[in-house]
């Protein structure tokens, strides 16, 4: 299969967590397989009181653009096709 793209460590999710520091905001990227792993990442990171923002996305080579594309929106979902 030559069309397979290797993701960062073959992890499904990517979280960018921004913390407030004395030097301003600091963003940290985390890659993980199960969404429930995010809890442990936050708990074991810097003080969660300094957490400003956490953005979670699917770790996709297209950055999710295909998923949110107009072309994709034009195609009915599989569940609707079988109704």
C-alpha atoms as a PDB file:
ATOM      1  CA  UNK A   1       0.000   0.000   0.000  1.00  0.00           C
ATOM      2  CA  UNK A   2       1.790   3.096  -1.182  1.00  0.00           C
ATOM      3  CA  UNK A   3      -0.906   5.587  -0.161  1.00  0.00           C
ATOM      4  CA  UNK A   4      -0.534   5.003   3.585  1.00  0.00           C
ATOM      5  CA  UNK A   5       0.645   8.023   5.556  1.00  0.00           C
ATOM      6  CA  UNK A   6       2.422   7.400   8.844  1.00  0.00           C
ATOM      7  CA  UNK A   7       1.067   9.662  11.566  1.00  0.00           C
ATOM      8  CA  UNK A   8       3.119  10.909  14.497  1.00  0.00           C
ATOM      9  CA  UNK A   9       3.775   7.647  16.286  1.00  0.00           C
ATOM     10  CA  UNK A  10       0.604   6.246  14.711  1.00  0.00           C
ATOM     11  CA  UNK A  11      -1.415   8.125  17.322  1.00  0.00           C
ATOM     12  CA  UNK A  12      -5.014   9.038  16.576  1.00  0.00           C
ATOM     13  CA  UNK A  13      -5.302  12.321  18.483  1.00  0.00           C
ATOM     14  CA  UNK A  14      -3.272  15.504  18.809  1.00  0.00           C
ATOM     15  CA  UNK A  15      -3.704  17.974  21.657  1.00  0.00           C
ATOM     16  CA  UNK A  16      -2.069  21.378  21.796  1.00  0.00           C
ATOM     17  CA  UNK A  17      -2.154  22.557  25.382  1.00  0.00           C
ATOM     18  CA  UNK A  18      -1.298  26.164  26.148  1.00  0.00           C
ATOM     19  CA  UNK A  19      -0.076  27.129  29.594  1.00  0.00           C
ATOM     20  CA  UNK A  20       0.502  30.561  31.083  1.00  0.00           C
ATOM     21  CA  UNK A  21       4.122  30.998  32.211  1.00  0.00           C
ATOM     22  CA  UNK A  22       6.199  33.912  33.504  1.00  0.00           C
ATOM     23  CA  UNK A  23       7.511  34.261  29.929  1.00  0.00           C
ATOM     24  CA  UNK A  24       4.045  34.286  28.329  1.00  0.00           C
ATOM     25  CA  UNK A  25       2.059  31.458  26.760  1.00  0.00           C
ATOM     26  CA  UNK A  26       3.767  28.142  26.126  1.00  0.00           C
ATOM     27  CA  UNK A  27       2.183  25.577  23.786  1.00  0.00           C
ATOM     28  CA  UNK A  28       2.913  21.870  24.181  1.00  0.00           C
ATOM     29  CA  UNK A  29       1.897  19.225  21.608  1.00  0.00           C
ATOM     30  CA  UNK A  30       0.841  15.762  22.749  1.00  0.00           C
ATOM     31  CA  UNK A  31      -0.039  12.768  20.570  1.00  0.00           C
ATOM     32  CA  UNK A  32      -2.105   9.906  21.975  1.00  0.00           C
ATOM     33  CA  UNK A  33      -4.325   7.025  20.904  1.00  0.00           C
ATOM     34  CA  UNK A  34      -7.343   7.142  23.219  1.00  0.00           C
ATOM     35  CA  UNK A  35      -9.178  10.370  24.043  1.00  0.00           C
ATOM     36  CA  UNK A  36      -9.365   9.205  27.670  1.00  0.00           C
ATOM     37  CA  UNK A  37      -5.532   9.502  27.792  1.00  0.00           C
ATOM     38  CA  UNK A  38      -5.922  13.282  27.714  1.00  0.00           C
ATOM     39  CA  UNK A  39      -6.944  13.247  31.377  1.00  0.00           C
ATOM     40  CA  UNK A  40      -3.593  11.776  32.455  1.00  0.00           C
ATOM     41  CA  UNK A  41      -1.664  14.141  30.178  1.00  0.00           C
ATOM     42  CA  UNK A  42      -3.273  17.178  31.811  1.00  0.00           C
ATOM     43  CA  UNK A  43      -3.002  15.786  35.341  1.00  0.00           C
ATOM     44  CA  UNK A  44       0.727  15.022  34.928  1.00  0.00           C
ATOM     45  CA  UNK A  45       1.578  18.256  33.142  1.00  0.00           C
ATOM     46  CA  UNK A  46       2.297  21.659  34.621  1.00  0.00           C
ATOM     47  CA  UNK A  47      -0.122  23.012  37.202  1.00  0.00           C
ATOM     48  CA  UNK A  48      -3.529  22.797  35.555  1.00  0.00           C
ATOM     49  CA  UNK A  49      -4.420  26.183  37.066  1.00  0.00           C
ATOM     50  CA  UNK A  50      -2.052  27.673  34.484  1.00  0.00           C
ATOM     51  CA  UNK A  51      -3.850  25.935  31.597  1.00  0.00           C
ATOM     52  CA  UNK A  52      -5.254  28.500  29.174  1.00  0.00           C
ATOM     53  CA  UNK A  53      -6.480  26.390  26.278  1.00  0.00           C
ATOM     54  CA  UNK A  54      -6.507  22.797  25.059  1.00  0.00           C
ATOM     55  CA  UNK A  55      -7.227  22.137  21.388  1.00  0.00           C
ATOM     56  CA  UNK A  56      -7.832  18.509  20.418  1.00  0.00           C
ATOM     57  CA  UNK A  57      -7.915  17.379  16.794  1.00  0.00           C
ATOM     58  CA  UNK A  58      -7.724  14.146  14.891  1.00  0.00           C
ATOM     59  CA  UNK A  59      -4.110  13.569  13.946  1.00  0.00           C
ATOM     60  CA  UNK A  60      -4.648  13.618  10.189  1.00  0.00           C
ATOM     61  CA  UNK A  61      -2.141  14.343   7.455  1.00  0.00           C
ATOM     62  CA  UNK A  62      -4.561  16.859   5.895  1.00  0.00           C
ATOM     63  CA  UNK A  63      -5.177  18.703   9.161  1.00  0.00           C
ATOM     64  CA  UNK A  64      -8.871  17.760   8.941  1.00  0.00           C
ATOM     65  CA  UNK A  65      -9.405  19.762   5.768  1.00  0.00           C
ATOM     66  CA  UNK A  66     -10.836  16.796   3.859  1.00  0.00           C
ATOM     67  CA  UNK A  67     -13.236  16.011   6.683  1.00  0.00           C
ATOM     68  CA  UNK A  68     -14.552  19.581   6.628  1.00  0.00           C
ATOM     69  CA  UNK A  69     -14.510  20.018   2.860  1.00  0.00           C
ATOM     70  CA  UNK A  70     -17.432  21.088   0.702  1.00  0.00           C
ATOM     71  CA  UNK A  71     -17.014  17.876  -1.335  1.00  0.00           C
ATOM     72  CA  UNK A  72     -17.470  15.748   1.779  1.00  0.00           C
ATOM     73  CA  UNK A  73     -20.530  17.772   2.808  1.00  0.00           C
ATOM     74  CA  UNK A  74     -22.178  17.046  -0.546  1.00  0.00           C
ATOM     75  CA  UNK A  75     -22.025  13.287   0.006  1.00  0.00           C
ATOM     76  CA  UNK A  76     -24.806  11.843   2.167  1.00  0.00           C
ATOM     77  CA  UNK A  77     -23.672  10.010   5.254  1.00  0.00           C
ATOM     78  CA  UNK A  78     -23.625   6.227   5.081  1.00  0.00           C
ATOM     79  CA  UNK A  79     -26.376   5.962   7.715  1.00  0.00           C
ATOM     80  CA  UNK A  80     -28.708   8.082   5.594  1.00  0.00           C
ATOM     81  CA  UNK A  81     -28.087   5.927   2.540  1.00  0.00           C
ATOM     82  CA  UNK A  82     -29.352   2.827   4.329  1.00  0.00           C
ATOM     83  CA  UNK A  83     -32.487   4.437   5.764  1.00  0.00           C
END
